[in-house]
Protein backbone atom coordinates (compact mmCIF):
# COMPACT_ATOMS: atom_id res chain seq x y z
CA MET A 1 -55.18 -34.98 50.33
CA LYS A 2 -53.71 -33.70 53.35
CA ILE A 3 -50.19 -32.91 53.25
CA SER A 4 -49.34 -35.44 56.14
CA ASP A 5 -50.67 -38.05 53.48
CA ILE A 6 -48.53 -36.72 50.21
CA LEU A 7 -45.44 -37.44 53.04
CA SER A 8 -46.19 -40.73 54.54
CA ALA A 9 -46.66 -42.04 51.01
CA GLY A 10 -43.17 -41.66 50.22
CA GLY A 11 -41.81 -41.54 46.74
CA LYS A 12 -39.67 -38.98 44.91
CA PRO A 13 -38.67 -35.36 46.36
CA PHE A 14 -41.15 -32.46 45.28
CA PRO A 15 -40.98 -28.83 44.74
CA SER A 16 -43.88 -26.65 46.92
CA ILE A 17 -44.50 -22.96 46.60
CA GLU A 18 -45.37 -20.09 48.39
CA ILE A 19 -46.55 -16.84 47.19
CA VAL A 20 -47.56 -13.99 48.57
CA PRO A 21 -51.07 -12.70 47.34
CA PRO A 22 -51.53 -9.53 44.96
CA LEU A 23 -51.91 -5.87 45.59
CA LYS A 24 -55.69 -5.13 45.02
CA GLY A 25 -55.95 -4.30 40.86
CA ILE A 26 -54.85 -7.62 39.48
CA THR A 27 -57.26 -9.37 37.98
CA LYS A 28 -57.96 -13.31 38.73
CA SER A 29 -56.41 -14.58 35.60
CA GLN A 30 -53.35 -12.19 35.74
CA LEU A 31 -52.63 -13.80 39.01
CA LEU A 32 -53.45 -17.10 37.91
CA ASP A 33 -50.99 -16.82 34.39
CA SER A 34 -48.38 -16.12 36.95
CA ILE A 35 -48.93 -19.37 38.37
CA ARG A 36 -48.86 -21.39 35.65
CA PRO A 37 -45.33 -21.64 34.30
CA PHE A 38 -44.99 -23.45 38.18
CA MET A 39 -47.31 -26.37 37.11
CA GLU A 40 -45.16 -28.49 34.83
CA PHE A 41 -43.30 -29.02 38.23
CA ARG A 42 -46.47 -30.60 39.23
CA PRO A 43 -45.97 -29.18 43.00
CA PRO A 44 -48.68 -31.03 45.46
CA TYR A 45 -49.44 -27.93 47.55
CA ILE A 46 -48.88 -24.05 47.28
CA ASN A 47 -48.15 -21.63 50.72
CA VAL A 48 -50.66 -18.49 50.77
CA THR A 49 -49.15 -15.89 52.64
CA ARG A 50 -51.72 -13.99 55.51
CA HIS A 51 -50.00 -10.90 56.80
CA ARG A 52 -51.27 -8.63 58.78
CA ASP A 53 -53.77 -5.90 58.84
CA GLU A 54 -52.07 -2.22 58.53
CA TYR A 55 -53.66 0.96 60.31
CA GLU A 56 -54.04 4.19 59.38
CA PHE A 57 -55.35 7.31 61.34
CA ILE A 58 -58.02 9.50 59.35
CA CYS A 59 -58.27 12.67 61.47
CA GLU A 60 -62.16 13.30 61.36
CA ALA A 61 -63.93 16.76 61.41
CA ASP A 62 -63.95 17.43 65.37
CA GLY A 63 -60.28 17.38 65.12
CA SER A 64 -60.74 13.68 66.61
CA PHE A 65 -58.25 11.01 64.68
CA SER A 66 -60.01 7.40 64.02
CA ARG A 67 -58.06 4.56 63.01
CA HIS A 68 -58.93 2.96 59.60
CA THR A 69 -58.01 -0.67 58.06
CA VAL A 70 -55.83 -0.50 55.30
CA ARG A 71 -55.19 -3.92 53.37
CA ARG A 72 -53.93 -3.23 50.44
CA ARG A 73 -53.80 -7.05 49.18
CA ILE A 74 -56.83 -9.37 48.00
CA SER A 75 -57.46 -11.79 50.79
CA GLU A 76 -55.28 -15.64 50.83
CA THR A 77 -58.97 -17.20 51.06
CA ALA A 78 -59.92 -15.22 47.54
CA VAL A 79 -57.01 -16.14 46.19
CA CYS A 80 -56.85 -19.85 47.25
CA ALA A 81 -60.33 -19.88 45.80
CA ALA A 82 -59.05 -19.14 42.74
CA ILE A 83 -55.90 -21.74 42.58
CA GLN A 84 -58.60 -24.18 43.66
CA SER A 85 -61.11 -23.09 40.45
CA GLU A 86 -57.79 -23.53 37.97
CA PHE A 87 -55.20 -26.37 39.23
CA ASP A 88 -54.95 -29.29 40.10
CA THR A 89 -53.37 -29.12 43.31
CA GLU A 90 -53.64 -28.09 47.35
CA VAL A 91 -53.71 -24.56 48.54
CA VAL A 92 -52.39 -24.10 52.03
CA PRO A 93 -53.61 -21.22 53.45
CA HIS A 94 -51.60 -19.38 56.04
CA ILE A 95 -53.37 -18.14 59.33
CA ILE A 96 -51.62 -16.14 61.81
CA CYS A 97 -52.75 -14.87 65.58
CA ALA A 98 -52.10 -11.34 64.73
CA GLY A 99 -54.63 -8.97 64.01
CA ALA A 100 -57.55 -11.47 64.44
CA ASP A 101 -59.28 -13.42 68.08
CA ALA A 102 -60.65 -16.24 68.21
CA ASP A 103 -63.84 -15.50 66.78
CA ASN A 104 -62.58 -14.31 63.71
CA ILE A 105 -59.82 -17.32 63.26
CA GLU A 106 -62.68 -19.93 64.56
CA THR A 107 -65.44 -18.63 61.20
CA GLN A 108 -62.48 -18.44 58.93
CA LEU A 109 -61.51 -22.25 59.58
CA HIS A 110 -65.35 -23.52 58.73
CA ASP A 111 -65.10 -21.14 55.20
CA LEU A 112 -61.79 -22.90 54.96
CA LYS A 113 -63.54 -26.00 55.39
CA PHE A 114 -67.18 -25.29 53.16
CA MET A 115 -64.07 -24.84 50.31
CA GLY A 116 -62.65 -27.93 51.23
CA ILE A 117 -59.01 -26.82 52.11
CA SER A 118 -57.51 -29.33 54.77
CA ASN A 119 -53.96 -28.09 55.36
CA LEU A 120 -53.25 -24.71 56.99
CA MET A 121 -49.65 -23.63 58.42
CA LEU A 122 -50.46 -22.16 61.33
CA LEU A 123 -47.74 -19.04 62.52
CA ARG A 124 -47.94 -16.30 65.45
CA GLY A 125 -47.27 -14.03 62.53
CA ASP A 126 -45.27 -10.62 63.22
CA SER A 127 -45.59 -7.65 65.69
CA LEU A 128 -46.63 -4.18 64.20
CA THR A 129 -43.57 -1.74 63.87
CA THR A 130 -45.22 0.21 66.58
CA GLU A 131 -44.79 -2.49 68.87
CA LYS A 132 -41.80 -3.30 70.82
CA SER A 133 -43.27 -6.70 71.62
CA PHE A 134 -46.25 -8.83 69.84
CA THR A 135 -49.66 -8.01 71.40
CA PRO A 136 -52.10 -10.32 69.99
CA GLU A 137 -55.41 -9.39 69.76
CA ALA A 138 -58.36 -8.66 72.66
CA GLY A 139 -60.07 -12.35 72.65
CA GLY A 140 -56.77 -13.59 70.32
CA TYR A 141 -53.72 -15.62 70.70
CA SER A 142 -50.44 -14.90 71.70
CA HIS A 143 -48.47 -17.69 70.34
CA ALA A 144 -48.36 -20.28 66.66
CA SER A 145 -48.74 -23.15 69.95
CA ASP A 146 -52.30 -21.23 71.13
CA LEU A 147 -53.52 -21.75 66.84
CA VAL A 148 -52.68 -24.74 66.70
CA LYS A 149 -54.34 -26.04 70.49
CA ALA A 150 -57.43 -24.21 68.54
CA VAL A 151 -57.47 -25.91 65.35
CA ARG A 152 -56.79 -29.31 66.86
CA ASN A 153 -60.12 -28.26 69.04
CA PHE A 154 -62.60 -27.12 66.27
CA GLY A 155 -65.74 -28.69 66.09
CA ASN A 156 -65.37 -29.57 69.48
CA GLY A 157 -62.60 -31.22 68.65
CA ASN A 158 -63.94 -34.00 67.33
CA ASP A 159 -63.36 -32.62 63.61
CA THR A 160 -59.89 -33.63 61.72
CA SER A 161 -60.51 -31.75 58.83
CA PHE A 162 -57.13 -30.40 58.74
CA CYS A 163 -54.28 -30.91 58.54
CA ILE A 164 -51.49 -28.83 59.74
CA GLY A 165 -48.17 -27.10 59.53
CA VAL A 166 -45.86 -24.33 61.65
CA GLY A 167 -42.74 -22.80 60.94
CA ALA A 168 -39.39 -23.29 62.47
CA TYR A 169 -35.71 -21.21 62.45
CA PRO A 170 -32.57 -23.04 61.34
CA GLU A 171 -31.33 -20.15 62.59
CA LYS A 172 -33.54 -20.27 66.16
CA HIS A 173 -36.00 -17.38 66.07
CA PHE A 174 -34.67 -13.79 66.91
CA GLU A 175 -36.70 -13.81 70.32
CA ALA A 176 -35.75 -16.85 71.21
CA ALA A 177 -32.84 -16.72 73.66
CA ASN A 178 -30.91 -19.66 72.10
CA ILE A 179 -31.14 -22.47 69.82
CA GLU A 180 -31.93 -25.38 72.49
CA SER A 181 -35.34 -23.10 73.82
CA ASP A 182 -36.27 -22.11 70.72
CA ILE A 183 -36.68 -26.05 69.18
CA GLU A 184 -38.09 -27.24 72.70
CA TRP A 185 -40.90 -24.63 71.70
CA LEU A 186 -40.96 -26.17 68.38
CA LYS A 187 -41.52 -29.22 70.14
CA PHE A 188 -44.52 -27.75 72.19
CA LYS A 189 -46.05 -27.20 68.72
CA VAL A 190 -45.88 -30.63 67.46
CA ASP A 191 -46.97 -32.07 71.12
CA CYS A 192 -49.65 -29.39 70.30
CA GLY A 193 -50.84 -31.30 67.53
CA ALA A 194 -48.88 -30.06 64.23
CA ASP A 195 -48.35 -32.41 61.24
CA PHE A 196 -45.54 -31.14 59.84
CA ILE A 197 -42.56 -28.24 59.35
CA ILE A 198 -41.62 -26.26 56.92
CA THR A 199 -38.54 -24.33 58.15
CA GLN A 200 -37.74 -20.24 57.55
CA MET A 201 -34.90 -20.00 54.49
CA PHE A 202 -31.76 -20.30 54.91
CA PHE A 203 -28.54 -19.82 53.20
CA ASP A 204 -25.97 -22.75 54.05
CA ASN A 205 -26.96 -26.35 54.56
CA ALA A 206 -25.15 -27.05 57.18
CA VAL A 207 -27.03 -25.11 59.11
CA PHE A 208 -30.20 -26.93 58.17
CA TYR A 209 -28.45 -30.11 58.91
CA ARG A 210 -27.95 -29.16 62.71
CA PHE A 211 -30.71 -27.81 63.12
CA ARG A 212 -32.43 -31.39 62.10
CA ASP A 213 -30.52 -33.51 63.62
CA ARG A 214 -31.35 -31.18 67.22
CA CYS A 215 -34.73 -31.94 66.13
CA ARG A 216 -34.80 -35.44 66.03
CA GLU A 217 -32.51 -35.73 69.38
CA ALA A 218 -35.33 -33.95 70.79
CA GLY A 219 -38.00 -36.01 69.80
CA ILE A 220 -39.44 -34.23 67.01
CA SER A 221 -40.44 -37.45 64.24
CA VAL A 222 -42.85 -35.08 62.39
CA PRO A 223 -41.62 -34.31 58.29
CA ILE A 224 -39.16 -31.30 58.09
CA ILE A 225 -39.21 -29.96 55.01
CA PRO A 226 -36.56 -26.77 54.52
CA GLY A 227 -37.13 -23.48 53.01
CA LEU A 228 -34.89 -22.05 50.08
CA LYS A 229 -34.86 -18.70 48.73
CA PRO A 230 -33.00 -17.50 45.33
CA LEU A 231 -31.04 -14.37 46.15
CA SER A 232 -31.89 -12.00 42.90
CA SER A 233 -30.02 -8.85 43.70
CA ALA A 234 -26.97 -7.06 46.31
CA ARG A 235 -29.66 -5.33 48.02
CA GLN A 236 -30.92 -8.42 49.71
CA LEU A 237 -27.56 -9.05 51.31
CA ASP A 238 -28.66 -6.43 53.36
CA LEU A 239 -32.38 -6.46 53.76
CA LEU A 240 -33.12 -9.97 54.30
CA PRO A 241 -30.85 -10.74 57.32
CA SER A 242 -32.55 -7.28 58.71
CA SER A 243 -36.01 -8.61 57.78
CA PHE A 244 -35.42 -12.19 58.86
CA SER A 245 -32.69 -12.61 61.42
CA ILE A 246 -30.79 -14.86 58.74
CA ASP A 247 -26.82 -15.09 57.43
CA ILE A 248 -25.54 -14.66 54.13
CA PRO A 249 -22.75 -16.85 53.71
CA GLN A 250 -19.27 -15.03 53.40
CA GLU A 251 -18.45 -16.93 50.34
CA LEU A 252 -22.06 -15.82 48.76
CA GLU A 253 -21.51 -12.52 50.16
CA LYS A 254 -18.05 -11.69 48.49
CA GLU A 255 -19.36 -13.08 45.29
CA MET A 256 -22.28 -10.72 45.26
CA ARG A 257 -20.53 -7.99 46.39
CA ALA A 258 -18.16 -7.95 43.95
CA HIS A 259 -21.11 -7.65 41.50
CA THR A 260 -22.66 -5.17 42.75
CA ALA A 261 -22.86 -3.21 39.14
CA ASP A 262 -24.04 -5.96 37.32
CA LYS A 263 -27.74 -6.94 38.20
CA ASP A 264 -27.80 -9.71 36.31
CA ALA A 265 -24.83 -11.13 37.34
CA CYS A 266 -25.95 -10.79 41.11
CA TYR A 267 -29.05 -12.40 39.95
CA ILE A 268 -26.98 -15.71 38.18
CA ILE A 269 -24.99 -16.08 41.15
CA GLY A 270 -28.39 -16.03 43.27
CA SER A 271 -29.48 -18.74 41.60
CA ARG A 272 -26.50 -20.99 41.01
CA TRP A 273 -25.89 -21.18 44.82
CA CYS A 274 -29.88 -21.93 45.79
CA ALA A 275 -29.70 -24.58 42.81
CA ALA A 276 -26.51 -25.88 44.24
CA GLN A 277 -28.41 -25.91 47.72
CA CYS A 278 -31.33 -28.02 45.86
CA ARG A 279 -29.31 -30.83 45.07
CA ASP A 280 -27.29 -31.31 48.17
CA LEU A 281 -30.66 -31.24 50.27
CA LEU A 282 -32.30 -33.51 47.57
CA ALA A 283 -29.10 -35.85 47.80
CA ASN A 284 -29.08 -35.79 51.84
CA GLY A 285 -33.00 -37.05 51.95
CA VAL A 286 -35.41 -34.49 52.71
CA PRO A 287 -38.80 -35.04 51.43
CA ALA A 288 -39.34 -32.11 49.43
CA VAL A 289 -38.16 -28.30 49.03
CA HIS A 290 -40.50 -25.96 49.63
CA PHE A 291 -39.52 -22.65 47.92
CA TYR A 292 -40.38 -18.87 49.09
CA THR A 293 -41.44 -16.72 45.34
CA MET A 294 -42.01 -13.80 46.96
CA GLY A 295 -43.30 -11.85 44.35
CA ARG A 296 -40.75 -13.71 42.02
CA GLN A 297 -41.46 -16.28 39.92
CA ASP A 298 -38.53 -16.88 36.31
CA ASN A 299 -35.44 -17.75 39.04
CA VAL A 300 -37.46 -20.34 40.89
CA ILE A 301 -38.54 -22.15 37.85
CA GLY A 302 -35.33 -21.96 36.46
CA ILE A 303 -34.24 -23.87 39.71
CA LEU A 304 -36.83 -26.04 39.74
CA LYS A 305 -36.19 -26.59 35.57
CA ASP A 306 -32.35 -28.08 36.64
CA CYS A 307 -33.75 -29.71 40.43
CA PHE A 308 -36.79 -31.35 39.72
């Protein structure tokens, strides 16, 4: 079932989760067992992230260096297939511009359609650490909007197999000059054919409400789903802002830094803050709440028990 149809049907707000493909070496049973506790809450879909491949340079016998692709994780396609085989829920693989050309992406679309997957999350992807700015593959796409257009043109524009989700940044993308231009680009992605939006994580609901209002004023009418992640350690106070260009409210920061030496206390503080965010969002009419698990499950499961 397409996410657009799930959302248009209305009804009670629901949770969705996002998982990161596991490192190589894990078994299918281990993967499914890590997901199983979430199924008590009947998430209509599970997002499966995709991160660009890394590279390493190997010295050859003649002294030259050759570049080799390094893939440390199970592919998102394999993870989606495993979830489909076990659970009654939709899967939403992420497709990114980074590291793939147009032919690679078209082949992936054919594979996903063959698997019966009808929902996609389309993103540009991150730059390599060696790049000053994002550089697309030769013959690839530079922007998520290009990817949206490519999916809408799949099958010469006559194929309506896929429902498309795109990302958004309530605090603006770090490359955007300002929030206004960032929302203009978001509207362009929607105009190109996106069906729904999932936001980057945020820790202040007022930021989300302002963003949602600005989007509506700009003419963006598709559903906007807030994304949340509970803080689990004091270390994330420094790590998440630098990695995702987000702000953490002073009140939350102060409370966690006051308990830096107590890991359990920080875990509880982060979970309680996220649960309070979730309850407030539900009270203010969001259709769903999306949770970034990032390899952790216990804190998210506790929040789901508290809120759904």
